[in-house]
Protein backbone atom coordinates (compact mmCIF):
# COMPACT_ATOMS: atom_id res chain seq x y z
CA MET A 1 0.00 0.00 0.00
CA ARG A 2 1.34 3.40 -1.04
CA PHE A 3 -0.02 6.90 -0.47
CA SER A 4 -0.69 7.12 -4.21
CA ASP A 5 -3.09 4.16 -3.92
CA ILE A 6 -5.36 6.22 -1.65
CA PRO A 7 -7.59 8.78 -3.40
CA GLY A 8 -7.29 12.37 -2.17
CA LEU A 9 -6.59 13.14 1.50
CA GLU A 10 -3.51 15.11 0.45
CA SER A 11 -3.25 17.15 3.65
CA GLU A 12 -3.36 13.99 5.79
CA LYS A 13 -0.58 12.43 3.72
CA VAL A 14 1.57 15.57 3.97
CA ARG A 15 1.16 15.73 7.75
CA LEU A 16 2.31 12.13 8.15
CA ILE A 17 5.29 12.53 5.83
CA ASP A 18 6.35 15.82 7.43
CA SER A 19 6.25 14.30 10.93
CA PHE A 20 8.64 11.58 9.78
CA LYS A 21 10.98 13.94 7.90
CA SER A 22 11.22 16.26 10.89
CA ASN A 23 11.83 13.30 13.22
CA GLU A 24 8.74 14.25 15.22
CA ILE A 25 6.84 11.03 14.73
CA HIS A 26 4.95 10.02 17.87
CA HIS A 27 5.63 6.47 19.06
CA ALA A 28 1.87 5.74 19.29
CA ILE A 29 -0.57 7.19 16.74
CA LEU A 30 -4.33 6.71 16.81
CA PHE A 31 -5.63 6.72 13.22
CA ASN A 32 -9.21 7.78 13.92
CA GLY A 33 -11.74 7.56 11.10
CA GLN A 34 -15.31 6.41 10.53
CA LEU A 35 -16.29 3.18 8.79
CA GLY A 36 -15.15 3.18 5.18
CA SER A 37 -12.49 5.83 5.74
CA ALA A 38 -8.78 5.58 4.91
CA ASN A 39 -7.61 4.99 8.49
CA LEU A 40 -6.22 1.48 7.87
CA SER A 41 -4.92 2.21 4.38
CA LEU A 42 -3.14 5.37 5.60
CA SER A 43 -1.48 3.45 8.44
CA LEU A 44 -0.29 0.78 5.98
CA ALA A 45 0.95 3.40 3.50
CA TYR A 46 2.78 5.21 6.32
CA ALA A 47 4.43 1.96 7.43
CA SER A 48 5.50 1.36 3.81
CA TYR A 49 6.93 4.88 3.60
CA ILE A 50 8.86 4.55 6.85
CA ASN A 51 10.37 1.18 5.88
CA CYS A 52 11.06 2.04 2.22
CA LYS A 53 14.71 1.92 1.16
CA ASN A 54 14.25 4.35 -1.74
CA ARG A 55 11.45 6.65 -0.59
CA ASN A 56 10.92 9.90 -2.48
CA GLU A 57 9.58 13.22 -1.25
CA ASN A 58 5.92 12.18 -1.30
CA ASP A 59 5.73 8.39 -1.23
CA SER A 60 7.43 5.03 -0.92
CA CYS A 61 9.08 3.70 -4.07
CA GLY A 62 6.82 0.66 -4.43
CA SER A 63 9.58 -1.52 -5.86
CA CYS A 64 12.26 -2.12 -3.22
CA PRO A 65 12.27 -5.39 -1.23
CA SER A 66 10.67 -3.64 1.74
CA CYS A 67 7.80 -2.25 -0.34
CA SER A 68 7.27 -5.63 -1.97
CA LYS A 69 6.89 -7.24 1.45
CA MET A 70 4.60 -4.47 2.67
CA ASP A 71 2.37 -4.95 -0.38
CA ARG A 72 1.91 -8.58 0.71
CA LEU A 73 1.71 -7.63 4.42
CA ILE A 74 4.60 -9.97 5.23
CA HIS A 75 7.29 -7.51 6.34
CA PRO A 76 9.10 -9.16 9.29
CA ASP A 77 9.27 -5.90 11.27
CA VAL A 78 5.55 -5.12 11.04
CA ASN A 79 3.19 -6.90 13.44
CA TYR A 80 -0.59 -6.99 13.06
CA ILE A 81 -3.20 -7.37 15.77
CA PHE A 82 -6.90 -7.47 14.88
CA PRO A 83 -10.24 -8.79 16.23
CA VAL A 84 -10.76 -12.54 16.04
CA ALA A 85 -12.96 -15.19 17.67
CA SER A 86 -12.63 -18.82 18.66
CA THR A 87 -13.48 -21.59 16.20
CA THR A 88 -13.91 -25.35 16.49
CA LYS A 89 -10.25 -25.72 15.53
CA ILE A 90 -8.82 -22.70 17.34
CA TYR A 91 -10.16 -22.26 20.85
CA LYS A 92 -6.99 -21.83 22.95
CA GLU A 93 -4.77 -18.74 22.75
CA VAL A 94 -7.02 -17.18 20.13
CA VAL A 95 -4.60 -14.63 18.69
CA SER A 96 -4.21 -12.82 15.38
CA ASP A 97 -1.18 -14.84 14.26
CA LYS A 98 -3.38 -17.92 13.88
CA PHE A 99 -5.62 -16.10 11.39
CA ILE A 100 -3.00 -13.90 9.73
CA GLU A 101 -3.03 -15.49 6.26
CA ALA A 102 -6.81 -15.08 5.89
CA TRP A 103 -6.67 -11.53 7.24
CA ARG A 104 -3.88 -10.57 4.85
CA ALA A 105 -5.91 -11.87 1.91
CA SER A 106 -8.99 -9.92 3.06
CA ILE A 107 -7.10 -6.64 3.52
CA ILE A 108 -5.22 -6.92 0.24
CA ASP A 109 -8.52 -7.58 -1.53
CA SER A 110 -10.38 -4.78 0.26
CA PRO A 111 -8.30 -2.31 2.35
CA TYR A 112 -11.42 -0.43 3.45
CA LEU A 113 -13.35 -3.42 4.79
CA SER A 114 -15.26 -3.45 8.08
CA VAL A 115 -14.97 -5.92 10.94
CA ASP A 116 -18.30 -7.44 9.81
CA ASP A 117 -16.80 -8.06 6.36
CA TRP A 118 -13.75 -9.70 7.94
CA PHE A 119 -15.84 -11.93 10.19
CA GLU A 120 -18.18 -12.89 7.36
CA SER A 121 -15.33 -13.70 4.98
CA TYR A 122 -13.57 -15.90 7.51
CA GLY A 123 -16.75 -17.59 8.72
CA PHE A 124 -16.75 -16.66 12.40
CA GLU A 125 -20.55 -16.95 12.22
CA ASN A 126 -22.21 -14.92 14.99
CA LYS A 127 -19.20 -14.67 17.29
CA GLN A 128 -18.28 -11.36 18.91
CA PRO A 129 -15.03 -9.72 17.75
CA ASN A 130 -12.40 -9.64 20.47
CA ILE A 131 -8.72 -8.86 21.06
CA SER A 132 -7.65 -10.99 24.01
CA LYS A 133 -4.96 -10.56 26.64
CA ASP A 134 -2.99 -13.33 24.92
CA GLU A 135 -2.29 -10.83 22.13
CA VAL A 136 -0.29 -8.63 24.51
CA ARG A 137 1.80 -11.55 25.77
CA ASN A 138 2.47 -12.52 22.17
CA LEU A 139 3.40 -8.94 21.25
CA VAL A 140 5.75 -8.48 24.20
CA LYS A 141 7.70 -11.56 23.06
CA LYS A 142 8.02 -10.11 19.56
CA LEU A 143 9.21 -6.75 20.86
CA THR A 144 12.11 -8.35 22.72
CA LEU A 145 13.61 -9.19 19.32
CA LYS A 146 15.66 -6.65 17.39
CA PRO A 147 14.35 -5.44 14.02
CA PHE A 148 15.25 -7.86 11.24
CA GLU A 149 15.91 -5.37 8.47
CA ALA A 150 14.22 -2.02 9.20
CA ARG A 151 14.96 0.79 11.61
CA PHE A 152 11.57 0.54 13.33
CA LYS A 153 9.39 -2.27 14.57
CA ILE A 154 5.86 -1.20 13.65
CA ASN A 155 2.78 -2.64 15.36
CA ILE A 156 -0.56 -2.05 13.66
CA ILE A 157 -3.56 -2.69 15.91
CA TRP A 158 -6.70 -2.71 13.79
CA LEU A 159 -9.87 -1.77 15.71
CA PRO A 160 -8.54 -1.42 19.29
CA GLU A 161 -12.12 -0.70 20.39
CA TYR A 162 -12.43 -4.50 20.53
CA LEU A 163 -9.67 -4.77 23.12
CA HIS A 164 -10.92 -6.68 26.14
CA LEU A 165 -10.67 -4.53 29.27
CA SER A 166 -7.90 -6.72 30.67
CA THR A 167 -6.11 -6.44 27.31
CA SER A 168 -6.37 -2.65 27.38
CA ASN A 169 -4.85 -2.53 30.85
CA ALA A 170 -2.08 -4.91 29.81
CA MET A 171 -1.30 -2.67 26.82
CA LEU A 172 -0.70 0.43 28.92
CA LYS A 173 2.89 -0.28 29.93
CA ILE A 174 4.23 -1.05 26.46
CA LEU A 175 2.34 1.92 25.01
CA GLU A 176 3.86 4.24 27.61
CA GLU A 177 7.37 2.75 27.65
CA PRO A 178 7.92 0.87 24.39
CA PRO A 179 11.32 -0.58 23.50
CA GLY A 180 13.52 1.72 21.43
CA GLU A 181 12.61 2.27 17.78
CA THR A 182 9.12 0.84 18.25
CA LEU A 183 5.98 2.41 16.78
CA PHE A 184 2.32 1.68 17.43
CA PHE A 185 -0.40 2.51 14.91
CA LEU A 186 -3.86 2.05 16.44
CA VAL A 187 -6.57 2.12 13.76
CA THR A 188 -10.04 2.86 15.13
CA ASN A 189 -13.57 3.50 13.88
CA ASN A 190 -14.77 4.53 17.34
CA HIS A 191 -12.19 6.10 19.65
CA GLN A 192 -14.86 6.75 22.28
CA LYS A 193 -14.88 3.04 23.12
CA LEU A 194 -11.22 3.15 24.12
CA ILE A 195 -10.43 3.56 27.80
CA GLN A 196 -9.10 6.98 28.74
CA THR A 197 -5.71 5.65 29.84
CA ILE A 198 -5.15 4.27 26.32
CA LYS A 199 -6.19 7.55 24.69
CA SER A 200 -3.88 9.52 26.98
CA ARG A 201 -0.88 7.58 25.66
CA VAL A 202 -1.50 8.07 21.94
CA GLN A 203 -1.48 10.96 19.51
CA MET A 204 -4.83 11.41 17.81
CA PHE A 205 -4.70 11.61 14.01
CA LYS A 206 -8.16 12.40 12.66
CA ILE A 207 -9.06 11.22 9.17
CA ARG A 208 -12.05 12.73 7.38
CA ARG A 209 -14.39 10.80 5.13
CA PHE A 210 -13.73 10.66 1.42
CA SER A 211 -15.33 13.38 -0.69
CA GLU A 212 -17.58 12.40 -3.60
CA ALA A 213 -14.84 13.37 -6.07
CA GLU A 214 -12.25 11.24 -4.26
CA MET A 215 -14.57 8.25 -4.18
CA LYS A 216 -15.36 8.67 -7.86
CA SER A 217 -11.67 8.73 -8.81
CA TYR A 218 -11.18 5.48 -6.89
CA LEU A 219 -14.29 3.69 -8.20
CA THR A 220 -13.59 4.46 -11.84
CA LYS A 221 -11.25 1.44 -11.79
CA TYR A 222 -14.41 -0.59 -12.51
CA LYS A 223 -14.33 -0.20 -16.28
CA ASP A 224 -17.48 -2.23 -16.96
CA ILE A 225 -19.69 -0.11 -14.70
CA SER A 226 -21.41 3.03 -15.93
CA GLU A 227 -20.90 6.49 -14.47
CA VAL A 228 -24.55 6.50 -13.34
CA GLU A 229 -23.99 3.31 -11.33
CA VAL A 230 -20.85 4.80 -9.75
CA ASP A 231 -22.73 7.98 -8.85
CA GLN A 232 -25.56 5.96 -7.33
CA SER A 233 -23.18 3.86 -5.23
CA ILE A 234 -21.53 7.05 -3.92
CA TYR A 235 -24.93 8.60 -3.29
CA ILE A 236 -26.21 5.80 -1.05
CA SER A 237 -22.91 5.02 0.71
CA ASP A 238 -22.67 8.31 2.64
CA GLY A 239 -18.91 8.66 2.32
CA ASP A 240 -18.16 5.02 3.12
CA ILE A 241 -15.93 3.85 0.27
CA ASN A 242 -16.24 0.23 1.40
CA LYS A 243 -20.04 0.31 1.06
CA ALA A 244 -19.82 2.06 -2.30
CA GLU A 245 -17.48 -0.61 -3.61
CA LYS A 246 -19.71 -3.41 -2.34
CA TYR A 247 -22.77 -1.87 -3.95
CA LEU A 248 -20.96 -1.94 -7.29
CA ASN A 249 -20.05 -5.60 -6.86
CA ILE A 250 -23.49 -6.88 -5.91
CA SER A 251 -26.50 -7.69 -8.07
CA ASP A 252 -27.52 -4.96 -10.51
CA ALA A 253 -31.16 -5.16 -9.48
CA ASP A 254 -33.10 -1.98 -10.27
CA ASP A 255 -33.74 -0.51 -6.85
CA LEU A 256 -35.85 2.34 -8.20
CA GLU A 257 -38.24 -0.03 -9.99
CA ASN A 258 -38.57 -2.22 -6.90
CA LEU A 259 -39.17 0.83 -4.74
CA LYS A 260 -41.94 1.91 -7.13
CA LEU A 261 -43.60 -1.53 -6.96
CA TRP A 262 -43.36 -1.54 -3.18
CA MET A 263 -44.81 1.96 -2.73
CA ARG A 264 -47.65 1.26 -5.19
CA ALA A 265 -48.56 -1.89 -3.28
CA CYS A 266 -48.52 0.03 0.01
CA TYR A 267 -50.59 2.87 -1.47
CA SER A 268 -53.27 0.50 -2.82
CA LYS A 269 -53.06 -1.81 0.23
CA ASN A 270 -52.46 -4.67 -2.18
CA PHE A 271 -51.14 -7.20 0.32
CA SER A 272 -50.80 -9.87 -2.33
CA GLU A 273 -48.26 -7.64 -4.09
CA ILE A 274 -46.70 -6.65 -0.76
CA ASN A 275 -46.14 -10.35 -0.02
CA LYS A 276 -44.35 -10.70 -3.36
CA GLN A 277 -42.12 -7.79 -2.41
CA ILE A 278 -41.47 -9.37 0.99
CA ASP A 279 -40.41 -12.63 -0.70
CA TRP A 280 -38.18 -10.69 -3.11
CA PHE A 281 -36.60 -8.76 -0.23
CA ASN A 282 -36.07 -11.88 1.86
CA LEU A 283 -34.11 -13.60 -0.94
CA LEU A 284 -31.59 -10.76 -1.12
CA SER A 285 -28.23 -11.05 0.59
CA LYS A 286 -27.79 -9.02 3.77
CA ILE A 287 -25.67 -6.52 1.87
CA ARG A 288 -28.36 -6.15 -0.82
CA LYS A 289 -31.12 -5.81 1.77
CA ARG A 290 -29.27 -2.98 3.44
CA ALA A 291 -28.44 -1.38 0.09
CA PHE A 292 -32.09 -1.37 -0.96
CA MET A 293 -33.29 0.00 2.38
CA THR A 294 -30.59 2.67 2.37
CA TYR A 295 -31.49 3.66 -1.19
CA SER A 296 -35.20 3.86 -0.26
CA LEU A 297 -34.38 5.97 2.78
CA LYS A 298 -32.28 8.34 0.68
CA LEU A 299 -35.12 8.86 -1.83
CA MET A 300 -37.63 9.50 0.97
CA ARG A 301 -35.28 12.14 2.32
CA GLU A 302 -34.91 13.64 -1.14
CA ALA A 303 -38.70 13.77 -1.46
CA LEU A 304 -38.90 15.63 1.84
CA VAL A 305 -36.10 18.03 0.89
CA SER A 306 -37.64 18.72 -2.54
CA ASN A 307 -40.77 19.97 -0.77
CA ILE A 308 -38.57 22.69 0.67
CA ASP A 309 -36.28 23.43 -2.28
CA HIS A 310 -36.08 21.35 -5.46
CA ASN A 311 -32.56 22.66 -6.15
CA LEU A 312 -31.23 20.80 -3.09
CA SER A 313 -31.91 17.37 -4.62
CA LYS A 314 -29.03 15.34 -6.10
CA ILE A 315 -30.84 12.64 -8.05
CA SER A 316 -31.29 11.31 -11.57
CA GLU A 317 -34.14 12.39 -13.85
CA ASP A 318 -35.94 9.06 -13.36
CA GLU A 319 -35.72 9.43 -9.59
CA LYS A 320 -36.89 13.04 -9.83
CA SER A 321 -39.89 11.98 -11.92
CA PHE A 322 -40.84 9.35 -9.32
CA ILE A 323 -40.44 11.76 -6.41
CA ASP A 324 -42.47 14.51 -8.09
CA LYS A 325 -45.45 12.14 -8.31
CA PHE A 326 -44.88 10.32 -5.06
CA LYS A 327 -44.66 13.41 -2.85
CA LEU A 328 -48.21 14.35 -3.87
CA THR A 329 -49.52 11.31 -1.99
CA LEU A 330 -48.19 12.26 1.47
CA ASP A 331 -47.76 15.35 3.61
CA ILE A 332 -44.49 16.40 5.25
CA PRO A 333 -45.23 14.83 8.68
CA SER A 334 -45.94 11.50 6.93
CA PHE A 335 -42.64 11.67 5.07
CA GLU A 336 -40.88 12.32 8.35
CA LYS A 337 -42.52 9.22 9.85
CA ILE A 338 -41.49 7.07 6.87
CA ILE A 339 -37.91 8.31 7.17
CA LEU A 340 -37.80 7.52 10.89
CA SER A 341 -39.34 4.07 10.31
CA MET A 342 -36.92 3.21 7.50
CA ASP A 343 -33.94 4.39 9.52
CA GLU A 344 -35.10 2.25 12.45
CA SER A 345 -35.57 -0.75 10.13
CA ILE A 346 -32.00 -0.44 8.86
CA ARG A 347 -30.71 -0.46 12.43
CA PHE A 348 -32.81 -3.54 13.22
CA LEU A 349 -31.54 -5.18 10.03
CA ASP A 350 -27.96 -4.58 11.17
CA ARG A 351 -28.86 -6.36 14.41
CA ASN A 352 -30.06 -9.44 12.48
CA ALA A 353 -33.81 -8.86 12.86
CA ASN A 354 -36.06 -11.22 10.88
CA PRO A 355 -36.17 -9.53 7.43
CA LYS A 356 -39.65 -10.81 6.49
CA ILE A 357 -41.24 -9.55 9.71
CA LEU A 358 -39.29 -6.29 9.49
CA PHE A 359 -40.33 -5.61 5.88
CA LEU A 360 -43.98 -6.51 6.55
CA ASP A 361 -44.12 -4.25 9.61
CA LEU A 362 -42.61 -1.37 7.66
CA SER A 363 -45.04 -1.94 4.76
CA ILE A 364 -48.03 -1.81 7.10
CA LYS A 365 -46.81 1.42 8.69
CA ILE A 366 -46.38 3.02 5.26
CA SER A 367 -49.82 1.78 4.11
CA ASP A 368 -51.41 3.30 7.20
CA LEU A 369 -49.80 6.66 6.39
CA PHE A 370 -51.34 6.60 2.90
CA THR A 371 -54.73 5.78 4.46
CA SER A 372 -54.51 8.70 6.90
CA LYS A 373 -53.64 11.02 3.99
CA VAL A 374 -56.73 9.88 2.06
CA LYS A 375 -58.97 10.49 5.09
CA THR A 376 -57.67 14.00 5.55
């Protein structure tokens, strides 16, 4: 991973490079960014830059032996700690090293992935992510060894918010008094879950979300996908480049057409058609279910916003045509209720609620809103 592989974020890259050039690099940096941000990729690019034998002014060379190893995440002086869970085969000393090959493959394939993606890809089923105290014991042993070929030993801890409390406490000493030439990069999506004593020992490095232009420059690598599809994936992903990429890789079902069918069935109280929509929704993958619900929520918000000012909408002509007709069927309070209900449904979906029951309940609520509008 090089800085040039990450779209935009030029000021963040400059700050990291300048801190190294001026020899002011903090021994423990907290890369703090929301889901789908460049927090992990920036930490990996920074590690590549620090270890590079032929670095230039703005990036690592990408071709020296060190960069080659960093690209494959196998550099001997870079350690990785990340959330894992026990399995039928691994249930004692459940540490990252026992899952490292699968994790490397996942990160190389998708450097912006979430912990849910990692757990789903490995097959941890419904286990809770955890970083156990055994990780610290394992790390301490590694830090007693001198660097093999680089100046620094770099330790990348992905998602320290999953540190067990006892693990957090065990980490304090090595974070405060690390061996010489040792760096810690903690990569978090939620720094508020870290205990205060951890946060007091690290330097916060905030990473903003990608802009639409930055996401578009990254997603244009998909040559067989139209610009409209790229724009739509950016639109519904809310700055999360991981979600946008997943939306482009999933089924190309026409969400607008399905939303139209669903709303027409709710408007006419055609429960036979609603049941068909429920069956269709239930057959979708979890990612597709969330994508459809998120898209529907976005259009409901656009419909509400267009009642205030049409110029604020950022939608296609087909979507605008649908909204112009659809917003005539409901008043503003009803739109607000639909938005709240859809947002709640997405949260329940994320918590593994029964999708058929969830979709039926939401359909009934929307149908009732149409009925109340007709009565008034």
